[in-house]
């Protein structure tokens, strides 16, 4: 009897991003957004003091392309998620949650009071994640997101209190 092949689960390291990592991010971003950010845009953001981020790399492959990342900004006690993306090939492994939890730990250490984000009302996987992490809807921007084949969708503004 031939047994089915099961690959061992990959382990991922969540590590802080630097400007040197900017060249790795546009490809993953392009999988999720109609207007993806360029390497220069990522580099410029990562060069700003209030901006920080994390990426997920397969363990032992730090210089390989990351499989997910998140960027956030903290100012005057309030933070916002600027963008988050996980490669399609690595979805449903908990990496989005792990990346968000790295941001939350950093914000708790920095004594931030709240974290905001915007999400497309049509992005059910992201909405599920954010709600499980304690975010609640506090606003709506109608017609904010362009859809490839359909009417524009609203951006939901979500907040999580950190205190």
N, C-alpha and C. Protein backbone atom coordinates (compact mmCIF):
# COMPACT_ATOMS: atom_id res chain seq x y z
N UNK A 1 0.84 -1.17 0.00
CA UNK A 1 0.00 0.00 0.00
C UNK A 1 0.89 1.24 0.00
N UNK A 2 0.59 2.13 -0.89
CA UNK A 2 1.36 3.36 -0.99
C UNK A 2 0.71 4.42 -0.11
N UNK A 3 1.50 4.98 0.79
CA UNK A 3 0.99 6.02 1.69
C UNK A 3 1.04 7.37 1.00
N UNK A 4 0.06 8.25 1.29
CA UNK A 4 0.10 9.59 0.69
C UNK A 4 1.29 10.38 1.24
N UNK A 5 1.80 11.24 0.41
CA UNK A 5 2.93 12.07 0.80
C UNK A 5 2.42 13.30 1.54
N UNK A 6 2.98 13.55 2.70
CA UNK A 6 2.65 14.75 3.46
C UNK A 6 3.94 15.50 3.71
N UNK A 7 3.99 16.73 3.25
CA UNK A 7 5.16 17.57 3.50
C UNK A 7 5.06 18.10 4.93
N UNK A 8 6.18 18.16 5.63
CA UNK A 8 6.13 18.74 6.98
C UNK A 8 5.74 20.21 6.89
N UNK A 9 5.04 20.71 7.89
CA UNK A 9 4.64 22.12 7.85
C UNK A 9 5.88 23.02 7.90
N UNK A 10 5.80 24.09 7.13
CA UNK A 10 6.89 25.07 7.15
C UNK A 10 6.78 25.92 8.41
N UNK A 11 7.90 26.31 8.92
CA UNK A 11 7.92 27.25 10.03
C UNK A 11 8.36 28.60 9.50
N UNK A 12 7.82 29.64 10.09
CA UNK A 12 8.11 30.99 9.63
C UNK A 12 8.64 31.84 10.77
N UNK A 13 9.55 32.71 10.44
CA UNK A 13 10.08 33.69 11.39
C UNK A 13 9.47 35.04 11.06
N UNK A 14 8.96 35.72 12.07
CA UNK A 14 8.44 37.07 11.90
C UNK A 14 9.53 38.01 12.37
N UNK A 15 10.04 38.82 11.46
CA UNK A 15 11.16 39.70 11.78
C UNK A 15 10.87 41.12 11.32
N UNK A 16 11.50 42.06 11.99
CA UNK A 16 11.32 43.48 11.70
C UNK A 16 11.85 43.79 10.30
N UNK A 17 11.14 44.64 9.57
CA UNK A 17 11.57 45.08 8.25
C UNK A 17 12.54 46.25 8.35
N UNK A 18 13.42 46.36 7.36
CA UNK A 18 14.29 47.52 7.23
C UNK A 18 14.18 48.02 5.79
N UNK A 19 14.77 49.17 5.52
CA UNK A 19 14.74 49.70 4.15
C UNK A 19 15.40 48.74 3.17
N UNK A 20 16.32 47.91 3.63
CA UNK A 20 16.97 46.93 2.75
C UNK A 20 15.99 45.88 2.24
N UNK A 21 14.84 45.75 2.88
CA UNK A 21 13.86 44.74 2.49
C UNK A 21 12.85 45.27 1.47
N UNK A 22 12.91 46.55 1.12
CA UNK A 22 11.89 47.17 0.27
C UNK A 22 11.76 46.49 -1.08
N UNK A 23 12.84 45.94 -1.61
CA UNK A 23 12.78 45.31 -2.93
C UNK A 23 11.99 44.01 -2.92
N UNK A 24 11.77 43.42 -1.75
CA UNK A 24 11.03 42.16 -1.65
C UNK A 24 9.50 42.36 -1.61
N UNK A 25 9.04 43.55 -1.33
CA UNK A 25 7.63 43.74 -0.99
C UNK A 25 6.68 44.00 -2.17
N UNK A 26 7.10 44.67 -3.25
CA UNK A 26 6.15 44.99 -4.32
C UNK A 26 5.47 43.78 -4.95
N UNK A 27 6.17 42.67 -5.12
CA UNK A 27 5.56 41.51 -5.77
C UNK A 27 4.39 40.95 -4.96
N UNK A 28 4.56 40.86 -3.64
CA UNK A 28 3.47 40.37 -2.80
C UNK A 28 2.33 41.38 -2.81
N UNK A 29 2.66 42.65 -2.73
CA UNK A 29 1.64 43.71 -2.72
C UNK A 29 0.82 43.66 -4.01
N UNK A 30 1.49 43.39 -5.14
CA UNK A 30 0.82 43.35 -6.43
C UNK A 30 -0.20 42.22 -6.53
N UNK A 31 -0.06 41.19 -5.72
CA UNK A 31 -1.03 40.09 -5.73
C UNK A 31 -2.37 40.52 -5.14
N UNK A 32 -2.39 41.62 -4.39
CA UNK A 32 -3.59 42.00 -3.64
C UNK A 32 -4.22 43.32 -4.06
N UNK A 33 -3.46 44.20 -4.70
CA UNK A 33 -3.95 45.55 -4.92
C UNK A 33 -3.88 45.93 -6.40
N UNK A 34 -4.91 46.63 -6.88
CA UNK A 34 -4.94 47.05 -8.28
C UNK A 34 -3.84 48.07 -8.57
N UNK A 35 -3.48 48.89 -7.57
CA UNK A 35 -2.37 49.82 -7.73
C UNK A 35 -1.33 49.49 -6.67
N UNK A 36 -0.47 48.52 -7.00
CA UNK A 36 0.54 48.13 -6.00
C UNK A 36 1.59 49.21 -5.82
N UNK A 37 2.18 49.22 -4.65
CA UNK A 37 3.24 50.17 -4.34
C UNK A 37 4.56 49.70 -4.94
N UNK A 38 5.39 50.66 -5.28
CA UNK A 38 6.69 50.37 -5.88
C UNK A 38 7.76 50.17 -4.79
N UNK A 39 8.90 49.69 -5.21
CA UNK A 39 10.03 49.54 -4.29
C UNK A 39 10.40 50.88 -3.68
N UNK A 40 10.39 51.94 -4.49
CA UNK A 40 10.71 53.28 -3.97
C UNK A 40 9.70 53.74 -2.91
N UNK A 41 8.43 53.43 -3.13
CA UNK A 41 7.41 53.82 -2.14
C UNK A 41 7.62 53.07 -0.83
N UNK A 42 7.90 51.77 -0.93
CA UNK A 42 8.17 51.00 0.29
C UNK A 42 9.42 51.51 0.99
N UNK A 43 10.46 51.78 0.23
CA UNK A 43 11.72 52.27 0.81
C UNK A 43 11.49 53.60 1.51
N UNK A 44 10.74 54.49 0.87
CA UNK A 44 10.46 55.80 1.46
C UNK A 44 9.68 55.66 2.77
N UNK A 45 8.70 54.78 2.79
CA UNK A 45 7.92 54.56 4.01
C UNK A 45 8.80 53.99 5.12
N UNK A 46 9.58 52.97 4.79
CA UNK A 46 10.41 52.32 5.81
C UNK A 46 11.51 53.24 6.33
N UNK A 47 11.78 54.31 5.60
CA UNK A 47 12.80 55.27 6.02
C UNK A 47 12.24 56.32 6.98
N UNK A 48 10.91 56.33 7.16
CA UNK A 48 10.28 57.30 8.06
C UNK A 48 10.27 56.74 9.49
N UNK A 49 10.61 57.58 10.43
CA UNK A 49 10.71 57.15 11.83
C UNK A 49 9.44 56.54 12.39
N UNK A 50 8.25 57.11 12.17
CA UNK A 50 7.09 56.50 12.82
C UNK A 50 6.60 55.22 12.14
N UNK A 51 7.18 54.85 10.99
CA UNK A 51 6.74 53.66 10.26
C UNK A 51 7.61 52.47 10.66
N UNK A 52 6.95 51.35 10.88
CA UNK A 52 7.67 50.10 11.16
C UNK A 52 6.89 48.96 10.52
N UNK A 53 7.54 47.84 10.41
CA UNK A 53 6.86 46.70 9.81
C UNK A 53 7.54 45.40 10.13
N UNK A 54 6.86 44.34 9.77
CA UNK A 54 7.36 42.98 9.98
C UNK A 54 7.11 42.18 8.71
N UNK A 55 7.94 41.17 8.52
CA UNK A 55 7.75 40.24 7.40
C UNK A 55 7.89 38.82 7.91
N UNK A 56 7.27 37.91 7.20
CA UNK A 56 7.36 36.48 7.49
C UNK A 56 8.25 35.83 6.45
N UNK A 57 9.31 35.18 6.94
CA UNK A 57 10.23 34.44 6.08
C UNK A 57 10.22 32.98 6.51
N UNK A 58 10.35 32.05 5.55
CA UNK A 58 10.56 30.66 5.97
C UNK A 58 11.82 30.61 6.83
N UNK A 59 11.76 29.86 7.93
CA UNK A 59 12.89 29.77 8.86
C UNK A 59 14.15 29.38 8.10
N UNK A 60 15.23 30.10 8.39
CA UNK A 60 16.52 29.84 7.76
C UNK A 60 16.68 30.44 6.38
N UNK A 61 15.68 31.22 5.93
CA UNK A 61 15.75 31.80 4.58
C UNK A 61 15.53 33.30 4.62
N UNK A 62 16.17 33.98 5.55
CA UNK A 62 15.97 35.43 5.78
C UNK A 62 16.22 36.25 4.52
N UNK A 63 17.14 35.86 3.69
CA UNK A 63 17.42 36.66 2.50
C UNK A 63 16.58 36.23 1.30
N UNK A 64 15.75 35.22 1.46
CA UNK A 64 14.83 34.85 0.39
C UNK A 64 13.68 35.87 0.38
N UNK A 65 12.81 35.76 -0.57
CA UNK A 65 11.65 36.63 -0.63
C UNK A 65 10.71 36.30 0.53
N UNK A 66 10.26 37.29 1.29
CA UNK A 66 9.31 37.01 2.37
C UNK A 66 7.99 36.53 1.76
N UNK A 67 7.18 35.88 2.59
CA UNK A 67 5.89 35.38 2.11
C UNK A 67 4.73 36.21 2.63
N UNK A 68 5.05 37.24 3.41
CA UNK A 68 4.03 38.16 3.89
C UNK A 68 4.67 39.30 4.64
N UNK A 69 3.94 40.40 4.77
CA UNK A 69 4.47 41.56 5.49
C UNK A 69 3.32 42.45 5.94
N UNK A 70 3.65 43.33 6.88
CA UNK A 70 2.73 44.35 7.36
C UNK A 70 3.53 45.61 7.63
N UNK A 71 2.96 46.76 7.31
CA UNK A 71 3.55 48.06 7.64
C UNK A 71 2.55 48.84 8.50
N UNK A 72 3.06 49.52 9.51
CA UNK A 72 2.22 50.31 10.40
C UNK A 72 2.93 51.63 10.71
N UNK A 73 2.14 52.56 11.23
CA UNK A 73 2.69 53.86 11.63
C UNK A 73 2.10 54.22 12.98
N UNK A 74 2.94 54.76 13.86
CA UNK A 74 2.51 55.19 15.19
C UNK A 74 2.83 56.66 15.36
N UNK A 75 1.82 57.44 15.76
CA UNK A 75 2.02 58.86 16.03
C UNK A 75 1.03 59.30 17.10
N UNK A 76 1.54 59.99 18.09
CA UNK A 76 0.73 60.58 19.16
C UNK A 76 -0.22 59.56 19.81
N UNK A 77 0.28 58.36 20.03
CA UNK A 77 -0.50 57.36 20.74
C UNK A 77 -1.48 56.57 19.89
N UNK A 78 -1.65 56.95 18.63
CA UNK A 78 -2.54 56.21 17.74
C UNK A 78 -1.73 55.63 16.60
N UNK A 79 -2.11 54.43 16.20
CA UNK A 79 -1.40 53.74 15.13
C UNK A 79 -2.36 53.36 14.02
N UNK A 80 -1.79 53.11 12.86
CA UNK A 80 -2.60 52.63 11.74
C UNK A 80 -1.83 51.58 10.97
N UNK A 81 -2.56 50.62 10.46
CA UNK A 81 -1.98 49.65 9.54
C UNK A 81 -1.98 50.32 8.18
N UNK A 82 -0.81 50.44 7.58
CA UNK A 82 -0.70 51.05 6.25
C UNK A 82 -1.02 50.03 5.16
N UNK A 83 -0.51 48.83 5.32
CA UNK A 83 -0.81 47.76 4.37
C UNK A 83 -0.36 46.43 4.97
N UNK A 84 -1.01 45.38 4.52
CA UNK A 84 -0.65 44.02 4.92
C UNK A 84 -0.93 43.12 3.73
N UNK A 85 -0.07 42.16 3.50
CA UNK A 85 -0.27 41.22 2.40
C UNK A 85 0.45 39.91 2.71
N UNK A 86 -0.18 38.82 2.34
CA UNK A 86 0.42 37.49 2.44
C UNK A 86 0.34 36.87 1.04
N UNK A 87 1.43 36.30 0.58
CA UNK A 87 1.46 35.68 -0.75
C UNK A 87 0.34 34.66 -0.88
N UNK A 88 -0.30 34.64 -2.02
CA UNK A 88 -1.40 33.70 -2.26
C UNK A 88 -1.00 32.27 -1.92
N UNK A 89 0.24 31.92 -2.22
CA UNK A 89 0.74 30.56 -2.00
C UNK A 89 0.86 30.21 -0.52
N UNK A 90 0.76 31.21 0.36
CA UNK A 90 0.97 30.97 1.80
C UNK A 90 -0.21 31.44 2.65
N UNK A 91 -1.36 31.60 2.03
CA UNK A 91 -2.55 32.00 2.79
C UNK A 91 -3.09 30.83 3.60
N UNK A 92 -3.86 31.18 4.61
CA UNK A 92 -4.55 30.21 5.48
C UNK A 92 -3.57 29.41 6.33
N UNK A 93 -2.40 30.00 6.60
CA UNK A 93 -1.43 29.38 7.50
C UNK A 93 -1.29 30.15 8.81
N UNK A 94 -2.07 31.22 8.96
CA UNK A 94 -2.01 32.04 10.17
C UNK A 94 -0.97 33.15 10.10
N UNK A 95 -0.39 33.38 8.92
CA UNK A 95 0.65 34.40 8.82
C UNK A 95 0.11 35.81 8.99
N UNK A 96 -1.08 36.08 8.46
CA UNK A 96 -1.69 37.40 8.65
C UNK A 96 -1.88 37.70 10.13
N UNK A 97 -2.38 36.71 10.86
CA UNK A 97 -2.57 36.86 12.31
C UNK A 97 -1.22 37.07 13.01
N UNK A 98 -0.22 36.26 12.64
CA UNK A 98 1.11 36.40 13.25
C UNK A 98 1.70 37.78 13.00
N UNK A 99 1.54 38.29 11.79
CA UNK A 99 2.07 39.63 11.46
C UNK A 99 1.34 40.71 12.27
N UNK A 100 0.01 40.60 12.35
CA UNK A 100 -0.76 41.57 13.12
C UNK A 100 -0.41 41.50 14.60
N UNK A 101 -0.20 40.31 15.12
CA UNK A 101 0.17 40.17 16.53
C UNK A 101 1.54 40.78 16.82
N UNK A 102 2.46 40.71 15.85
CA UNK A 102 3.76 41.37 16.03
C UNK A 102 3.58 42.88 16.14
N UNK A 103 2.70 43.45 15.32
CA UNK A 103 2.40 44.88 15.39
C UNK A 103 1.77 45.19 16.75
N UNK A 104 0.80 44.39 17.17
CA UNK A 104 0.12 44.64 18.44
C UNK A 104 1.09 44.59 19.62
N UNK A 105 2.02 43.64 19.61
CA UNK A 105 3.02 43.57 20.69
C UNK A 105 3.88 44.84 20.72
N UNK A 106 4.29 45.30 19.56
CA UNK A 106 5.10 46.52 19.47
C UNK A 106 4.31 47.71 20.00
N UNK A 107 3.05 47.81 19.61
CA UNK A 107 2.23 48.95 20.04
C UNK A 107 1.96 48.91 21.54
N UNK A 108 1.76 47.73 22.09
CA UNK A 108 1.59 47.62 23.55
C UNK A 108 2.86 48.08 24.26
N UNK A 109 4.02 47.66 23.75
CA UNK A 109 5.29 48.06 24.36
C UNK A 109 5.48 49.58 24.27
N UNK A 110 4.97 50.19 23.19
CA UNK A 110 5.09 51.63 23.00
C UNK A 110 3.93 52.39 23.65
N UNK A 111 3.06 51.66 24.34
CA UNK A 111 1.94 52.24 25.08
C UNK A 111 0.96 53.01 24.18
N UNK A 112 0.77 52.51 22.96
CA UNK A 112 -0.21 53.11 22.06
C UNK A 112 -1.62 52.89 22.61
N UNK A 113 -2.53 53.77 22.25
CA UNK A 113 -3.89 53.70 22.77
C UNK A 113 -4.86 53.01 21.82
N UNK A 114 -4.63 53.12 20.51
CA UNK A 114 -5.57 52.55 19.55
C UNK A 114 -4.86 52.22 18.25
N UNK A 115 -5.40 51.26 17.53
CA UNK A 115 -4.90 50.88 16.21
C UNK A 115 -6.06 50.94 15.23
N UNK A 116 -5.85 51.62 14.11
CA UNK A 116 -6.86 51.76 13.06
C UNK A 116 -6.38 51.05 11.80
N UNK A 117 -7.34 50.71 10.95
CA UNK A 117 -7.03 50.18 9.63
C UNK A 117 -8.23 50.41 8.73
N UNK A 118 -7.99 50.31 7.44
CA UNK A 118 -9.06 50.34 6.45
C UNK A 118 -9.03 49.03 5.70
N UNK A 119 -10.20 48.51 5.38
CA UNK A 119 -10.29 47.25 4.66
C UNK A 119 -11.47 47.30 3.69
N UNK A 120 -11.29 46.70 2.55
CA UNK A 120 -12.36 46.59 1.55
C UNK A 120 -13.50 45.76 2.14
N UNK A 121 -14.71 46.29 2.07
CA UNK A 121 -15.86 45.58 2.62
C UNK A 121 -16.08 44.22 1.97
N UNK A 122 -15.48 43.98 0.81
CA UNK A 122 -15.61 42.71 0.10
C UNK A 122 -14.55 41.69 0.51
N UNK A 123 -13.58 42.10 1.31
CA UNK A 123 -12.47 41.22 1.69
C UNK A 123 -12.83 40.43 2.94
N UNK A 124 -13.60 39.38 2.75
CA UNK A 124 -14.11 38.59 3.88
C UNK A 124 -13.00 37.93 4.70
N UNK A 125 -11.95 37.36 4.11
CA UNK A 125 -10.90 36.78 4.95
C UNK A 125 -10.25 37.81 5.87
N UNK A 126 -9.99 39.01 5.35
CA UNK A 126 -9.38 40.06 6.18
C UNK A 126 -10.35 40.52 7.26
N UNK A 127 -11.61 40.70 6.91
CA UNK A 127 -12.60 41.12 7.91
C UNK A 127 -12.72 40.10 9.03
N UNK A 128 -12.70 38.83 8.68
CA UNK A 128 -12.77 37.78 9.70
C UNK A 128 -11.57 37.87 10.64
N UNK A 129 -10.38 38.02 10.06
CA UNK A 129 -9.16 38.14 10.87
C UNK A 129 -9.26 39.34 11.79
N UNK A 130 -9.59 40.50 11.25
CA UNK A 130 -9.62 41.71 12.06
C UNK A 130 -10.65 41.63 13.18
N UNK A 131 -11.80 41.07 12.88
CA UNK A 131 -12.82 40.93 13.93
C UNK A 131 -12.34 39.98 15.02
N UNK A 132 -11.68 38.90 14.63
CA UNK A 132 -11.14 37.97 15.64
C UNK A 132 -10.07 38.62 16.50
N UNK A 133 -9.37 39.60 15.95
CA UNK A 133 -8.34 40.31 16.70
C UNK A 133 -8.91 41.46 17.52
N UNK A 134 -10.23 41.63 17.51
CA UNK A 134 -10.86 42.64 18.36
C UNK A 134 -11.13 43.98 17.71
N UNK A 135 -11.02 44.07 16.39
CA UNK A 135 -11.34 45.32 15.70
C UNK A 135 -12.85 45.44 15.52
N UNK A 136 -13.31 46.67 15.55
CA UNK A 136 -14.73 46.93 15.29
C UNK A 136 -14.83 48.08 14.28
N UNK A 137 -15.89 48.06 13.50
CA UNK A 137 -16.10 49.08 12.48
C UNK A 137 -16.47 50.40 13.15
N UNK A 138 -15.77 51.48 12.75
CA UNK A 138 -16.07 52.80 13.29
C UNK A 138 -16.37 53.83 12.20
N UNK A 139 -16.27 53.41 10.95
CA UNK A 139 -16.55 54.32 9.85
C UNK A 139 -16.61 53.58 8.53
N UNK A 140 -17.07 54.31 7.50
CA UNK A 140 -17.23 53.71 6.18
C UNK A 140 -16.96 54.80 5.14
N UNK A 141 -16.19 54.43 4.12
CA UNK A 141 -15.92 55.34 3.01
C UNK A 141 -16.51 54.72 1.74
N UNK A 142 -17.72 55.14 1.35
CA UNK A 142 -18.37 54.54 0.18
C UNK A 142 -17.56 54.74 -1.10
N UNK A 143 -17.58 53.73 -1.96
CA UNK A 143 -16.95 53.84 -3.28
C UNK A 143 -15.45 54.03 -3.24
N UNK A 144 -14.79 53.61 -2.20
CA UNK A 144 -13.35 53.86 -2.02
C UNK A 144 -12.48 52.94 -2.87
N UNK A 145 -12.82 51.66 -2.91
CA UNK A 145 -11.99 50.68 -3.61
C UNK A 145 -12.54 50.38 -4.99
N UNK A 146 -11.66 50.47 -5.96
CA UNK A 146 -12.00 50.08 -7.33
C UNK A 146 -11.98 48.55 -7.40
N UNK A 147 -12.97 48.00 -8.10
CA UNK A 147 -13.03 46.55 -8.28
C UNK A 147 -12.70 46.22 -9.75
N UNK A 148 -12.02 45.11 -10.01
CA UNK A 148 -11.63 44.80 -11.39
C UNK A 148 -12.81 44.66 -12.34
N UNK A 149 -13.92 44.10 -11.88
CA UNK A 149 -15.08 43.92 -12.75
C UNK A 149 -16.36 44.10 -11.95
N UNK A 150 -16.60 45.32 -11.57
CA UNK A 150 -17.81 45.61 -10.81
C UNK A 150 -17.78 47.00 -10.25
N UNK A 151 -18.84 47.34 -9.51
CA UNK A 151 -18.89 48.68 -8.91
C UNK A 151 -17.86 48.82 -7.79
N UNK A 152 -17.53 50.05 -7.49
CA UNK A 152 -16.58 50.34 -6.41
C UNK A 152 -17.18 49.88 -5.08
N UNK A 153 -16.33 49.49 -4.17
CA UNK A 153 -16.79 49.03 -2.85
C UNK A 153 -16.31 49.99 -1.77
N UNK A 154 -16.94 49.88 -0.63
CA UNK A 154 -16.63 50.78 0.49
C UNK A 154 -15.38 50.30 1.23
N UNK A 155 -14.69 51.26 1.80
CA UNK A 155 -13.62 50.97 2.76
C UNK A 155 -14.25 51.04 4.14
N UNK A 156 -14.04 49.99 4.93
CA UNK A 156 -14.48 50.02 6.30
C UNK A 156 -13.32 50.49 7.16
N UNK A 157 -13.56 51.48 7.99
CA UNK A 157 -12.56 51.95 8.93
C UNK A 157 -12.80 51.17 10.22
N UNK A 158 -11.74 50.51 10.70
CA UNK A 158 -11.86 49.67 11.89
C UNK A 158 -10.87 50.13 12.95
N UNK A 159 -11.24 49.89 14.21
CA UNK A 159 -10.43 50.33 15.34
C UNK A 159 -10.33 49.20 16.37
N UNK A 160 -9.17 49.14 16.99
CA UNK A 160 -9.00 48.28 18.15
C UNK A 160 -8.38 49.11 19.25
N UNK A 161 -9.05 49.15 20.39
CA UNK A 161 -8.48 49.83 21.56
C UNK A 161 -7.36 48.97 22.11
N UNK A 162 -6.29 49.60 22.54
CA UNK A 162 -5.12 48.87 23.03
C UNK A 162 -4.94 49.01 24.53
N UNK A 163 -5.74 49.79 25.19
CA UNK A 163 -5.62 49.96 26.64
C UNK A 163 -6.76 49.29 27.34
